[in-house]
């Protein structure tokens, strides 16, 4: 396989940084597991009230649910990117093992998704 590993390492590291920044904007690191992120409630500039306005409560819940879902997507992608970086270090980057034999993942596929683990024929 004649792909530019340095190029893909740079792409993966840039994506990793971008994902981590996005996660920091909606989540905090789990203090019990540094590799895990937990969605946070959005900050609201509301005065404290003894009885909260039901609309504000509903908005908070909806915003949290959106953050929770986005956190899950970003965390999964971050793990894929980290695994791709590990495979680069191990010398196994860009190799598809689906279908019973090892073969190269198309460079076009890696350009589109640098964390890809399968070739175009084995996309699920």
PDB file of N, CA and C in Angstrom:
ATOM      1  N   UNK A   1       0.851  -1.166   0.000  1.00  0.00           N
ATOM      2  CA  UNK A   1       0.000   0.000   0.000  1.00  0.00           C
ATOM      3  C   UNK A   1       0.897   1.230   0.000  1.00  0.00           C
ATOM      4  N   UNK A   2       0.633   2.121  -0.920  1.00  0.00           N
ATOM      5  CA  UNK A   2       1.452   3.326  -1.055  1.00  0.00           C
ATOM      6  C   UNK A   2       0.666   4.575  -0.675  1.00  0.00           C
ATOM      7  N   UNK A   3       0.209   4.626   0.557  1.00  0.00           N
ATOM      8  CA  UNK A   3      -0.492   5.829   0.995  1.00  0.00           C
ATOM      9  C   UNK A   3       0.444   6.656   1.864  1.00  0.00           C
ATOM     10  N   UNK A   4       0.175   7.930   1.908  1.00  0.00           N
ATOM     11  CA  UNK A   4       0.988   8.863   2.688  1.00  0.00           C
ATOM     12  C   UNK A   4       0.524   8.816   4.144  1.00  0.00           C
ATOM     13  N   UNK A   5       1.189   8.004   4.943  1.00  0.00           N
ATOM     14  CA  UNK A   5       0.788   7.819   6.334  1.00  0.00           C
ATOM     15  C   UNK A   5       0.872   9.117   7.134  1.00  0.00           C
ATOM     16  N   UNK A   6       1.866   9.941   6.825  1.00  0.00           N
ATOM     17  CA  UNK A   6       2.015  11.213   7.529  1.00  0.00           C
ATOM     18  C   UNK A   6       0.786  12.095   7.284  1.00  0.00           C
ATOM     19  N   UNK A   7       0.324  12.110   6.045  1.00  0.00           N
ATOM     20  CA  UNK A   7      -0.869  12.887   5.680  1.00  0.00           C
ATOM     21  C   UNK A   7      -2.076  12.435   6.499  1.00  0.00           C
ATOM     22  N   UNK A   8      -2.287  11.126   6.585  1.00  0.00           N
ATOM     23  CA  UNK A   8      -3.449  10.616   7.301  1.00  0.00           C
ATOM     24  C   UNK A   8      -3.301  10.798   8.809  1.00  0.00           C
ATOM     25  N   UNK A   9      -2.090  10.723   9.308  1.00  0.00           N
ATOM     26  CA  UNK A   9      -1.875  10.986  10.732  1.00  0.00           C
ATOM     27  C   UNK A   9      -2.252  12.431  11.054  1.00  0.00           C
ATOM     28  N   UNK A  10      -1.864  13.356  10.188  1.00  0.00           N
ATOM     29  CA  UNK A  10      -2.216  14.765  10.398  1.00  0.00           C
ATOM     30  C   UNK A  10      -3.732  14.966  10.344  1.00  0.00           C
ATOM     31  N   UNK A  11      -4.387  14.308   9.383  1.00  0.00           N
ATOM     32  CA  UNK A  11      -5.845  14.422   9.274  1.00  0.00           C
ATOM     33  C   UNK A  11      -6.525  13.884  10.529  1.00  0.00           C
ATOM     34  N   UNK A  12      -6.050  12.742  11.004  1.00  0.00           N
ATOM     35  CA  UNK A  12      -6.644  12.130  12.190  1.00  0.00           C
ATOM     36  C   UNK A  12      -6.412  12.982  13.437  1.00  0.00           C
ATOM     37  N   UNK A  13      -5.205  13.505  13.584  1.00  0.00           N
ATOM     38  CA  UNK A  13      -4.915  14.341  14.751  1.00  0.00           C
ATOM     39  C   UNK A  13      -5.737  15.631  14.725  1.00  0.00           C
ATOM     40  N   UNK A  14      -5.923  16.206  13.543  1.00  0.00           N
ATOM     41  CA  UNK A  14      -6.747  17.413  13.420  1.00  0.00           C
ATOM     42  C   UNK A  14      -8.201  17.105  13.770  1.00  0.00           C
ATOM     43  N   UNK A  15      -8.700  15.975  13.284  1.00  0.00           N
ATOM     44  CA  UNK A  15     -10.080  15.598  13.593  1.00  0.00           C
ATOM     45  C   UNK A  15     -10.238  15.318  15.084  1.00  0.00           C
ATOM     46  N   UNK A  16      -9.253  14.660  15.677  1.00  0.00           N
ATOM     47  CA  UNK A  16      -9.285  14.372  17.118  1.00  0.00           C
ATOM     48  C   UNK A  16      -9.381  15.668  17.918  1.00  0.00           C
ATOM     49  N   UNK A  17      -8.566  16.647  17.566  1.00  0.00           N
ATOM     50  CA  UNK A  17      -8.592  17.939  18.266  1.00  0.00           C
ATOM     51  C   UNK A  17      -9.941  18.628  18.111  1.00  0.00           C
ATOM     52  N   UNK A  18     -10.482  18.596  16.900  1.00  0.00           N
ATOM     53  CA  UNK A  18     -11.775  19.236  16.636  1.00  0.00           C
ATOM     54  C   UNK A  18     -12.887  18.568  17.447  1.00  0.00           C
ATOM     55  N   UNK A  19     -12.891  17.254  17.481  1.00  0.00           N
ATOM     56  CA  UNK A  19     -13.920  16.526  18.234  1.00  0.00           C
ATOM     57  C   UNK A  19     -13.803  16.832  19.723  1.00  0.00           C
ATOM     58  N   UNK A  20     -12.569  16.843  20.233  1.00  0.00           N
ATOM     59  CA  UNK A  20     -12.376  17.131  21.655  1.00  0.00           C
ATOM     60  C   UNK A  20     -12.863  18.537  22.002  1.00  0.00           C
ATOM     61  N   UNK A  21     -12.645  19.498  21.108  1.00  0.00           N
ATOM     62  CA  UNK A  21     -13.138  20.857  21.349  1.00  0.00           C
ATOM     63  C   UNK A  21     -14.664  20.887  21.352  1.00  0.00           C
ATOM     64  N   UNK A  22     -15.276  20.153  20.427  1.00  0.00           N
ATOM     65  CA  UNK A  22     -16.737  20.092  20.392  1.00  0.00           C
ATOM     66  C   UNK A  22     -17.276  19.442  21.663  1.00  0.00           C
ATOM     67  N   UNK A  23     -16.612  18.369  22.104  1.00  0.00           N
ATOM     68  CA  UNK A  23     -17.041  17.707  23.333  1.00  0.00           C
ATOM     69  C   UNK A  23     -16.927  18.644  24.535  1.00  0.00           C
ATOM     70  N   UNK A  24     -15.854  19.411  24.589  1.00  0.00           N
ATOM     71  CA  UNK A  24     -15.670  20.345  25.711  1.00  0.00           C
ATOM     72  C   UNK A  24     -16.782  21.384  25.771  1.00  0.00           C
ATOM     73  N   UNK A  25     -17.391  21.685  24.638  1.00  0.00           N
ATOM     74  CA  UNK A  25     -18.442  22.707  24.618  1.00  0.00           C
ATOM     75  C   UNK A  25     -19.788  22.181  25.116  1.00  0.00           C
ATOM     76  N   UNK A  26     -19.962  20.856  25.156  1.00  0.00           N
ATOM     77  CA  UNK A  26     -21.249  20.296  25.580  1.00  0.00           C
ATOM     78  C   UNK A  26     -21.124  19.275  26.699  1.00  0.00           C
ATOM     79  N   UNK A  27     -19.900  18.922  27.067  1.00  0.00           N
ATOM     80  CA  UNK A  27     -19.675  17.823  28.005  1.00  0.00           C
ATOM     81  C   UNK A  27     -18.537  18.136  28.957  1.00  0.00           C
ATOM     82  N   UNK A  28     -18.398  17.263  29.941  1.00  0.00           N
ATOM     83  CA  UNK A  28     -17.230  17.285  30.818  1.00  0.00           C
ATOM     84  C   UNK A  28     -16.654  15.879  30.846  1.00  0.00           C
ATOM     85  N   UNK A  29     -15.371  15.791  31.148  1.00  0.00           N
ATOM     86  CA  UNK A  29     -14.758  14.468  31.289  1.00  0.00           C
ATOM     87  C   UNK A  29     -15.285  13.806  32.554  1.00  0.00           C
ATOM     88  N   UNK A  30     -15.511  12.525  32.456  1.00  0.00           N
ATOM     89  CA  UNK A  30     -15.946  11.747  33.606  1.00  0.00           C
ATOM     90  C   UNK A  30     -14.778  11.652  34.582  1.00  0.00           C
ATOM     91  N   UNK A  31     -14.926  12.133  35.813  1.00  0.00           N
ATOM     92  CA  UNK A  31     -13.807  12.098  36.757  1.00  0.00           C
ATOM     93  C   UNK A  31     -13.375  10.678  37.128  1.00  0.00           C
ATOM     94  N   UNK A  32     -14.256   9.710  36.929  1.00  0.00           N
ATOM     95  CA  UNK A  32     -13.922   8.322  37.253  1.00  0.00           C
ATOM     96  C   UNK A  32     -13.305   7.583  36.072  1.00  0.00           C
ATOM     97  N   UNK A  33     -13.436   8.155  34.860  1.00  0.00           N
ATOM     98  CA  UNK A  33     -12.905   7.524  33.653  1.00  0.00           C
ATOM     99  C   UNK A  33     -12.537   8.631  32.672  1.00  0.00           C
ATOM    100  N   UNK A  34     -11.257   8.956  32.603  1.00  0.00           N
ATOM    101  CA  UNK A  34     -10.798  10.100  31.802  1.00  0.00           C
ATOM    102  C   UNK A  34     -11.128   9.967  30.319  1.00  0.00           C
ATOM    103  N   UNK A  35     -11.341   8.763  29.825  1.00  0.00           N
ATOM    104  CA  UNK A  35     -11.664   8.570  28.419  1.00  0.00           C
ATOM    105  C   UNK A  35     -13.145   8.720  28.114  1.00  0.00           C
ATOM    106  N   UNK A  36     -13.932   8.966  29.144  1.00  0.00           N
ATOM    107  CA  UNK A  36     -15.378   9.050  28.995  1.00  0.00           C
ATOM    108  C   UNK A  36     -15.833  10.498  29.165  1.00  0.00           C
ATOM    109  N   UNK A  37     -16.846  10.878  28.421  1.00  0.00           N
ATOM    110  CA  UNK A  37     -17.405  12.235  28.493  1.00  0.00           C
ATOM    111  C   UNK A  37     -18.852  12.151  28.940  1.00  0.00           C
ATOM    112  N   UNK A  38     -19.293  13.154  29.692  1.00  0.00           N
ATOM    113  CA  UNK A  38     -20.677  13.216  30.150  1.00  0.00           C
ATOM    114  C   UNK A  38     -21.290  14.535  29.690  1.00  0.00           C
ATOM    115  N   UNK A  39     -22.441  14.443  29.052  1.00  0.00           N
ATOM    116  CA  UNK A  39     -23.133  15.653  28.600  1.00  0.00           C
ATOM    117  C   UNK A  39     -23.512  16.502  29.807  1.00  0.00           C
ATOM    118  N   UNK A  40     -23.465  17.810  29.624  1.00  0.00           N
ATOM    119  CA  UNK A  40     -23.845  18.730  30.694  1.00  0.00           C
ATOM    120  C   UNK A  40     -25.152  19.417  30.333  1.00  0.00           C
ATOM    121  N   UNK A  41     -25.822  19.910  31.352  1.00  0.00           N
ATOM    122  CA  UNK A  41     -27.020  20.705  31.107  1.00  0.00           C
ATOM    123  C   UNK A  41     -26.599  22.053  30.557  1.00  0.00           C
ATOM    124  N   UNK A  42     -27.353  22.588  29.618  1.00  0.00           N
ATOM    125  CA  UNK A  42     -27.015  23.914  29.091  1.00  0.00           C
ATOM    126  C   UNK A  42     -27.182  24.965  30.180  1.00  0.00           C
ATOM    127  N   UNK A  43     -26.329  25.961  30.129  1.00  0.00           N
ATOM    128  CA  UNK A  43     -26.439  27.048  31.102  1.00  0.00           C
ATOM    129  C   UNK A  43     -27.552  27.981  30.656  1.00  0.00           C
ATOM    130  N   UNK A  44     -28.356  28.368  31.592  1.00  0.00           N
ATOM    131  CA  UNK A  44     -29.465  29.281  31.317  1.00  0.00           C
ATOM    132  C   UNK A  44     -29.286  30.517  32.186  1.00  0.00           C
ATOM    133  N   UNK A  45     -29.583  31.643  31.641  1.00  0.00           N
ATOM    134  CA  UNK A  45     -29.552  32.889  32.402  1.00  0.00           C
ATOM    135  C   UNK A  45     -30.956  33.176  32.928  1.00  0.00           C
ATOM    136  N   UNK A  46     -31.375  32.324  33.839  1.00  0.00           N
ATOM    137  CA  UNK A  46     -32.700  32.489  34.424  1.00  0.00           C
ATOM    138  C   UNK A  46     -32.542  32.820  35.900  1.00  0.00           C
ATOM    139  N   UNK A  47     -33.434  33.649  36.363  1.00  0.00           N
ATOM    140  CA  UNK A  47     -33.451  33.929  37.792  1.00  0.00           C
ATOM    141  C   UNK A  47     -33.984  32.699  38.506  1.00  0.00           C
ATOM    142  N   UNK A  48     -33.441  32.449  39.691  1.00  0.00           N
ATOM    143  CA  UNK A  48     -33.945  31.323  40.464  1.00  0.00           C
ATOM    144  C   UNK A  48     -35.370  31.614  40.893  1.00  0.00           C
ATOM    145  N   UNK A  49     -36.199  30.631  40.752  1.00  0.00           N
ATOM    146  CA  UNK A  49     -37.596  30.762  41.138  1.00  0.00           C
ATOM    147  C   UNK A  49     -37.957  29.568  42.006  1.00  0.00           C
ATOM    148  N   UNK A  50     -38.874  29.781  42.900  1.00  0.00           N
ATOM    149  CA  UNK A  50     -39.322  28.668  43.730  1.00  0.00           C
ATOM    150  C   UNK A  50     -40.011  27.642  42.844  1.00  0.00           C
ATOM    151  N   UNK A  51     -40.824  28.110  41.936  1.00  0.00           N
ATOM    152  CA  UNK A  51     -41.483  27.212  40.997  1.00  0.00           C
ATOM    153  C   UNK A  51     -40.968  27.547  39.601  1.00  0.00           C
ATOM    154  N   UNK A  52     -40.347  26.590  38.976  1.00  0.00           N
ATOM    155  CA  UNK A  52     -39.797  26.813  37.635  1.00  0.00           C
ATOM    156  C   UNK A  52     -40.928  26.840  36.609  1.00  0.00           C
ATOM    157  N   UNK A  53     -40.737  27.655  35.604  1.00  0.00           N
ATOM    158  CA  UNK A  53     -41.691  27.735  34.506  1.00  0.00           C
ATOM    159  C   UNK A  53     -41.630  26.421  33.733  1.00  0.00           C
ATOM    160  N   UNK A  54     -42.758  25.755  33.530  1.00  0.00           N
ATOM    161  CA  UNK A  54     -42.753  24.470  32.819  1.00  0.00           C
ATOM    162  C   UNK A  54     -42.121  24.551  31.424  1.00  0.00           C
ATOM    163  N   UNK A  55     -42.271  25.679  30.759  1.00  0.00           N
ATOM    164  CA  UNK A  55     -41.667  25.842  29.432  1.00  0.00           C
ATOM    165  C   UNK A  55     -40.148  25.840  29.531  1.00  0.00           C
ATOM    166  N   UNK A  56     -39.612  26.533  30.533  1.00  0.00           N
ATOM    167  CA  UNK A  56     -38.158  26.553  30.733  1.00  0.00           C
ATOM    168  C   UNK A  56     -37.632  25.167  31.083  1.00  0.00           C
ATOM    169  N   UNK A  57     -38.371  24.457  31.913  1.00  0.00           N
ATOM    170  CA  UNK A  57     -37.976  23.095  32.287  1.00  0.00           C
ATOM    171  C   UNK A  57     -37.968  22.210  31.044  1.00  0.00           C
ATOM    172  N   UNK A  58     -39.004  22.308  30.227  1.00  0.00           N
ATOM    173  CA  UNK A  58     -39.081  21.506  29.000  1.00  0.00           C
ATOM    174  C   UNK A  58     -37.942  21.856  28.046  1.00  0.00           C
ATOM    175  N   UNK A  59     -37.629  23.147  27.928  1.00  0.00           N
ATOM    176  CA  UNK A  59     -36.514  23.568  27.069  1.00  0.00           C
ATOM    177  C   UNK A  59     -35.194  23.002  27.572  1.00  0.00           C
ATOM    178  N   UNK A  60     -34.991  23.031  28.892  1.00  0.00           N
ATOM    179  CA  UNK A  60     -33.764  22.473  29.472  1.00  0.00           C
ATOM    180  C   UNK A  60     -33.643  20.986  29.184  1.00  0.00           C
ATOM    181  N   UNK A  61     -34.739  20.272  29.337  1.00  0.00           N
ATOM    182  CA  UNK A  61     -34.727  18.828  29.089  1.00  0.00           C
ATOM    183  C   UNK A  61     -34.437  18.550  27.620  1.00  0.00           C
ATOM    184  N   UNK A  62     -35.086  19.282  26.733  1.00  0.00           N
ATOM    185  CA  UNK A  62     -34.861  19.092  25.294  1.00  0.00           C
ATOM    186  C   UNK A  62     -33.411  19.393  24.917  1.00  0.00           C
ATOM    187  N   UNK A  63     -32.877  20.493  25.434  1.00  0.00           N
ATOM    188  CA  UNK A  63     -31.482  20.847  25.146  1.00  0.00           C
ATOM    189  C   UNK A  63     -30.524  19.787  25.673  1.00  0.00           C
ATOM    190  N   UNK A  64     -30.800  19.263  26.859  1.00  0.00           N
ATOM    191  CA  UNK A  64     -29.940  18.222  27.426  1.00  0.00           C
ATOM    192  C   UNK A  64     -29.994  16.960  26.571  1.00  0.00           C
ATOM    193  N   UNK A  65     -31.176  16.577  26.128  1.00  0.00           N
ATOM    194  CA  UNK A  65     -31.309  15.383  25.293  1.00  0.00           C
ATOM    195  C   UNK A  65     -30.523  15.534  23.993  1.00  0.00           C
ATOM    196  N   UNK A  66     -30.550  16.731  23.417  1.00  0.00           N
ATOM    197  CA  UNK A  66     -29.775  16.982  22.198  1.00  0.00           C
ATOM    198  C   UNK A  66     -28.280  16.883  22.488  1.00  0.00           C
ATOM    199  N   UNK A  67     -27.845  17.449  23.596  1.00  0.00           N
ATOM    200  CA  UNK A  67     -26.432  17.376  23.986  1.00  0.00           C
ATOM    201  C   UNK A  67     -26.018  15.928  24.241  1.00  0.00           C
ATOM    202  N   UNK A  68     -26.892  15.183  24.900  1.00  0.00           N
ATOM    203  CA  UNK A  68     -26.600  13.785  25.220  1.00  0.00           C
ATOM    204  C   UNK A  68     -26.405  12.974  23.934  1.00  0.00           C
ATOM    205  N   UNK A  69     -27.305  13.170  22.977  1.00  0.00           N
ATOM    206  CA  UNK A  69     -27.205  12.448  21.704  1.00  0.00           C
ATOM    207  C   UNK A  69     -25.946  12.856  20.941  1.00  0.00           C
ATOM    208  N   UNK A  70     -25.674  14.157  20.880  1.00  0.00           N
ATOM    209  CA  UNK A  70     -24.477  14.635  20.191  1.00  0.00           C
ATOM    210  C   UNK A  70     -23.216  14.149  20.890  1.00  0.00           C
ATOM    211  N   UNK A  71     -23.218  14.145  22.215  1.00  0.00           N
ATOM    212  CA  UNK A  71     -22.085  13.639  22.987  1.00  0.00           C
ATOM    213  C   UNK A  71     -21.790  12.199  22.599  1.00  0.00           C
ATOM    214  N   UNK A  72     -22.833  11.389  22.475  1.00  0.00           N
ATOM    215  CA  UNK A  72     -22.670   9.980  22.128  1.00  0.00           C
ATOM    216  C   UNK A  72     -22.041   9.821  20.745  1.00  0.00           C
ATOM    217  N   UNK A  73     -22.537  10.584  19.775  1.00  0.00           N
ATOM    218  CA  UNK A  73     -22.001  10.526  18.410  1.00  0.00           C
ATOM    219  C   UNK A  73     -20.534  10.958  18.390  1.00  0.00           C
ATOM    220  N   UNK A  74     -20.232  12.078  19.052  1.00  0.00           N
ATOM    221  CA  UNK A  74     -18.858  12.592  19.068  1.00  0.00           C
ATOM    222  C   UNK A  74     -17.912  11.643  19.791  1.00  0.00           C
ATOM    223  N   UNK A  75     -18.370  11.075  20.895  1.00  0.00           N
ATOM    224  CA  UNK A  75     -17.519  10.156  21.651  1.00  0.00           C
ATOM    225  C   UNK A  75     -17.205   8.900  20.836  1.00  0.00           C
ATOM    226  N   UNK A  76     -18.196   8.381  20.121  1.00  0.00           N
ATOM    227  CA  UNK A  76     -17.964   7.213  19.265  1.00  0.00           C
ATOM    228  C   UNK A  76     -16.975   7.544  18.153  1.00  0.00           C
ATOM    229  N   UNK A  77     -17.136   8.703  17.544  1.00  0.00           N
ATOM    230  CA  UNK A  77     -16.211   9.106  16.478  1.00  0.00           C
ATOM    231  C   UNK A  77     -14.805   9.307  17.035  1.00  0.00           C
ATOM    232  N   UNK A  78     -14.702   9.922  18.206  1.00  0.00           N
ATOM    233  CA  UNK A  78     -13.397  10.122  18.832  1.00  0.00           C
ATOM    234  C   UNK A  78     -12.710   8.784  19.075  1.00  0.00           C
ATOM    235  N   UNK A  79     -13.451   7.797  19.534  1.00  0.00           N
ATOM    236  CA  UNK A  79     -12.867   6.473  19.753  1.00  0.00           C
ATOM    237  C   UNK A  79     -12.398   5.849  18.443  1.00  0.00           C
ATOM    238  N   UNK A  80     -13.153   6.039  17.368  1.00  0.00           N
ATOM    239  CA  UNK A  80     -12.737   5.527  16.056  1.00  0.00           C
ATOM    240  C   UNK A  80     -11.443   6.190  15.595  1.00  0.00           C
ATOM    241  N   UNK A  81     -11.348   7.495  15.795  1.00  0.00           N
ATOM    242  CA  UNK A  81     -10.144   8.235  15.404  1.00  0.00           C
ATOM    243  C   UNK A  81      -8.950   7.780  16.240  1.00  0.00           C
ATOM    244  N   UNK A  82      -9.149   7.611  17.541  1.00  0.00           N
ATOM    245  CA  UNK A  82      -8.060   7.139  18.409  1.00  0.00           C
ATOM    246  C   UNK A  82      -7.591   5.746  17.989  1.00  0.00           C
ATOM    247  N   UNK A  83      -8.543   4.877  17.647  1.00  0.00           N
ATOM    248  CA  UNK A  83      -8.175   3.534  17.190  1.00  0.00           C
ATOM    249  C   UNK A  83      -7.392   3.589  15.883  1.00  0.00           C
ATOM    250  N   UNK A  84      -7.768   4.493  14.990  1.00  0.00           N
ATOM    251  CA  UNK A  84      -7.039   4.646  13.728  1.00  0.00           C
ATOM    252  C   UNK A  84      -5.613   5.126  13.992  1.00  0.00           C
ATOM    253  N   UNK A  85      -5.452   6.053  14.929  1.00  0.00           N
ATOM    254  CA  UNK A  85      -4.103   6.525  15.282  1.00  0.00           C
ATOM    255  C   UNK A  85      -3.269   5.393  15.878  1.00  0.00           C
ATOM    256  N   UNK A  86      -3.902   4.542  16.682  1.00  0.00           N
ATOM    257  CA  UNK A  86      -3.193   3.381  17.239  1.00  0.00           C
ATOM    258  C   UNK A  86      -2.765   2.430  16.123  1.00  0.00           C
ATOM    259  N   UNK A  87      -3.635   2.231  15.136  1.00  0.00           N
ATOM    260  CA  UNK A  87      -3.287   1.328  14.032  1.00  0.00           C
ATOM    261  C   UNK A  87      -2.155   1.909  13.191  1.00  0.00           C
ATOM    262  N   UNK A  88      -2.086   3.235  13.100  1.00  0.00           N
ATOM    263  CA  UNK A  88      -0.961   3.877  12.408  1.00  0.00           C
ATOM    264  C   UNK A  88       0.347   3.536  13.109  1.00  0.00           C
ATOM    265  N   UNK A  89       0.335   3.654  14.434  1.00  0.00           N
ATOM    266  CA  UNK A  89       1.538   3.358  15.218  1.00  0.00           C
ATOM    267  C   UNK A  89       1.911   1.877  15.134  1.00  0.00           C
ATOM    268  N   UNK A  90       0.901   1.025  15.024  1.00  0.00           N
ATOM    269  CA  UNK A  90       1.140  -0.417  14.975  1.00  0.00           C
ATOM    270  C   UNK A  90       1.494  -0.914  13.577  1.00  0.00           C
ATOM    271  N   UNK A  91       1.367  -0.038  12.579  1.00  0.00           N
ATOM    272  CA  UNK A  91       1.675  -0.442  11.209  1.00  0.00           C
ATOM    273  C   UNK A  91       0.555  -1.190  10.515  1.00  0.00           C
ATOM    274  N   UNK A  92      -0.651  -1.088  11.042  1.00  0.00           N
ATOM    275  CA  UNK A  92      -1.784  -1.799  10.445  1.00  0.00           C
ATOM    276  C   UNK A  92      -2.833  -0.853   9.870  1.00  0.00           C
ATOM    277  N   UNK A  93      -2.494   0.425   9.752  1.00  0.00           N
ATOM    278  CA  UNK A  93      -3.455   1.411   9.255  1.00  0.00           C
ATOM    279  C   UNK A  93      -3.764   1.163   7.783  1.00  0.00           C
ATOM    280  N   UNK A  94      -5.042   1.330   7.437  1.00  0.00           N
ATOM    281  CA  UNK A  94      -5.453   1.224   6.044  1.00  0.00           C
ATOM    282  C   UNK A  94      -5.605  -0.196   5.542  1.00  0.00           C
ATOM    283  N   UNK A  95      -5.703  -1.142   6.469  1.00  0.00           N
ATOM    284  CA  UNK A  95      -5.847  -2.545   6.078  1.00  0.00           C
ATOM    285  C   UNK A  95      -7.219  -3.045   6.506  1.00  0.00           C
ATOM    286  N   UNK A  96      -7.963  -3.569   5.551  1.00  0.00           N
ATOM    287  CA  UNK A  96      -9.277  -4.151   5.805  1.00  0.00           C
ATOM    288  C   UNK A  96      -9.091  -5.639   6.070  1.00  0.00           C
ATOM    289  N   UNK A  97      -9.679  -6.127   7.148  1.00  0.00           N
ATOM    290  CA  UNK A  97      -9.570  -7.554   7.462  1.00  0.00           C
ATOM    291  C   UNK A  97     -10.907  -8.268   7.297  1.00  0.00           C
ATOM    292  N   UNK A  98     -11.909  -7.565   6.780  1.00  0.00           N
ATOM    293  CA  UNK A  98     -13.208  -8.196   6.539  1.00  0.00           C
ATOM    294  C   UNK A  98     -13.115  -9.098   5.315  1.00  0.00           C
ATOM    295  N   UNK A  99     -13.978 -10.061   5.256  1.00  0.00           N
ATOM    296  CA  UNK A  99     -14.018 -10.950   4.104  1.00  0.00           C
ATOM    297  C   UNK A  99     -13.009 -12.079   4.175  1.00  0.00           C
ATOM    298  N   UNK A 100     -12.366 -12.257   5.316  1.00  0.00           N
ATOM    299  CA  UNK A 100     -11.490 -13.403   5.503  1.00  0.00           C
ATOM    300  C   UNK A 100     -10.050 -13.220   5.080  1.00  0.00           C
ATOM    301  N   UNK A 101      -9.696 -12.090   4.486  1.00  0.00           N
ATOM    302  CA  UNK A 101      -8.295 -11.863   4.137  1.00  0.00           C
ATOM    303  C   UNK A 101      -7.970 -10.378   4.253  1.00  0.00           C
ATOM    304  N   UNK A 102      -6.699 -10.080   4.417  1.00  0.00           N
ATOM    305  CA  UNK A 102      -6.261  -8.692   4.568  1.00  0.00           C
ATOM    306  C   UNK A 102      -6.020  -8.070   3.198  1.00  0.00           C
ATOM    307  N   UNK A 103      -6.517  -6.847   3.049  1.00  0.00           N
ATOM    308  CA  UNK A 103      -6.275  -6.105   1.817  1.00  0.00           C
ATOM    309  C   UNK A 103      -6.375  -4.613   2.115  1.00  0.00           C
ATOM    310  N   UNK A 104      -5.832  -3.822   1.225  1.00  0.00           N
ATOM    311  CA  UNK A 104      -5.764  -2.374   1.440  1.00  0.00           C
ATOM    312  C   UNK A 104      -7.140  -1.724   1.321  1.00  0.00           C
ATOM    313  N   UNK A 105      -7.356  -0.740   2.173  1.00  0.00           N
ATOM    314  CA  UNK A 105      -8.536   0.115   2.059  1.00  0.00           C
ATOM    315  C   UNK A 105      -8.206   1.176   1.012  1.00  0.00           C
ATOM    316  N   UNK A 106      -9.151   1.446   0.137  1.00  0.00           N
ATOM    317  CA  UNK A 106      -8.935   2.403  -0.938  1.00  0.00           C
ATOM    318  C   UNK A 106      -8.554   3.773  -0.368  1.00  0.00           C
ATOM    319  N   UNK A 107      -7.591   4.426  -1.015  1.00  0.00           N
ATOM    320  CA  UNK A 107      -7.146   5.735  -0.550  1.00  0.00           C
ATOM    321  C   UNK A 107      -8.287   6.752  -0.582  1.00  0.00           C
ATOM    322  N   UNK A 108      -9.159   6.640  -1.581  1.00  0.00           N
ATOM    323  CA  UNK A 108     -10.302   7.544  -1.666  1.00  0.00           C
ATOM    324  C   UNK A 108     -11.199   7.390  -0.440  1.00  0.00           C
ATOM    325  N   UNK A 109     -11.349   6.158   0.016  1.00  0.00           N
ATOM    326  CA  UNK A 109     -12.166   5.896   1.215  1.00  0.00           C
ATOM    327  C   UNK A 109     -11.502   6.508   2.440  1.00  0.00           C
ATOM    328  N   UNK A 110     -10.192   6.360   2.550  1.00  0.00           N
ATOM    329  CA  UNK A 110      -9.473   6.932   3.692  1.00  0.00           C
ATOM    330  C   UNK A 110      -9.500   8.456   3.660  1.00  0.00           C
ATOM    331  N   UNK A 111      -9.494   9.041   2.467  1.00  0.00           N
ATOM    332  CA  UNK A 111      -9.609  10.501   2.368  1.00  0.00           C
ATOM    333  C   UNK A 111     -10.966  10.954   2.895  1.00  0.00           C
ATOM    334  N   UNK A 112     -12.009  10.207   2.538  1.00  0.00           N
ATOM    335  CA  UNK A 112     -13.359  10.558   2.979  1.00  0.00           C
ATOM    336  C   UNK A 112     -13.563  10.265   4.462  1.00  0.00           C
ATOM    337  N   UNK A 113     -12.957   9.180   4.934  1.00  0.00           N
ATOM    338  CA  UNK A 113     -13.092   8.768   6.335  1.00  0.00           C
ATOM    339  C   UNK A 113     -11.762   8.186   6.796  1.00  0.00           C
ATOM    340  N   UNK A 114     -10.878   9.022   7.319  1.00  0.00           N
ATOM    341  CA  UNK A 114      -9.549   8.548   7.715  1.00  0.00           C
ATOM    342  C   UNK A 114      -9.568   7.472   8.800  1.00  0.00           C
ATOM    343  N   UNK A 115     -10.685   7.329   9.501  1.00  0.00           N
ATOM    344  CA  UNK A 115     -10.784   6.315  10.551  1.00  0.00           C
ATOM    345  C   UNK A 115     -11.430   5.022  10.047  1.00  0.00           C
ATOM    346  N   UNK A 116     -11.615   4.904   8.733  1.00  0.00           N
ATOM    347  CA  UNK A 116     -12.259   3.715   8.166  1.00  0.00           C
ATOM    348  C   UNK A 116     -11.469   2.458   8.509  1.00  0.00           C
ATOM    349  N   UNK A 117     -12.204   1.392   8.800  1.00  0.00           N
ATOM    350  CA  UNK A 117     -11.561   0.110   9.107  1.00  0.00           C
ATOM    351  C   UNK A 117     -11.887  -0.958   8.072  1.00  0.00           C
ATOM    352  N   UNK A 118     -12.728  -0.597   7.098  1.00  0.00           N
ATOM    353  CA  UNK A 118     -13.081  -1.544   6.043  1.00  0.00           C
ATOM    354  C   UNK A 118     -12.982  -0.874   4.679  1.00  0.00           C
ATOM    355  N   UNK A 119     -12.801  -1.692   3.664  1.00  0.00           N
ATOM    356  CA  UNK A 119     -12.776  -1.185   2.295  1.00  0.00           C
ATOM    357  C   UNK A 119     -14.207  -0.883   1.846  1.00  0.00           C
ATOM    358  N   UNK A 120     -14.341  -0.318   0.677  1.00  0.00           N
ATOM    359  CA  UNK A 120     -15.660   0.051   0.153  1.00  0.00           C
ATOM    360  C   UNK A 120     -16.570  -1.171   0.025  1.00  0.00           C
ATOM    361  N   UNK A 121     -16.026  -2.299  -0.385  1.00  0.00           N
ATOM    362  CA  UNK A 121     -16.836  -3.502  -0.576  1.00  0.00           C
ATOM    363  C   UNK A 121     -17.375  -4.077   0.728  1.00  0.00           C
ATOM    364  N   UNK A 122     -16.746  -3.758   1.835  1.00  0.00           N
ATOM    365  CA  UNK A 122     -17.160  -4.330   3.118  1.00  0.00           C
ATOM    366  C   UNK A 122     -17.816  -3.317   4.056  1.00  0.00           C
ATOM    367  N   UNK A 123     -18.264  -2.182   3.517  1.00  0.00           N
ATOM    368  CA  UNK A 123     -18.986  -1.211   4.348  1.00  0.00           C
ATOM    369  C   UNK A 123     -20.294  -1.849   4.782  1.00  0.00           C
ATOM    370  N   UNK A 124     -20.584  -1.752   6.052  1.00  0.00           N
ATOM    371  CA  UNK A 124     -21.837  -2.344   6.556  1.00  0.00           C
ATOM    372  C   UNK A 124     -22.980  -1.396   6.379  1.00  0.00           C
TER     373      UNK A 124
END
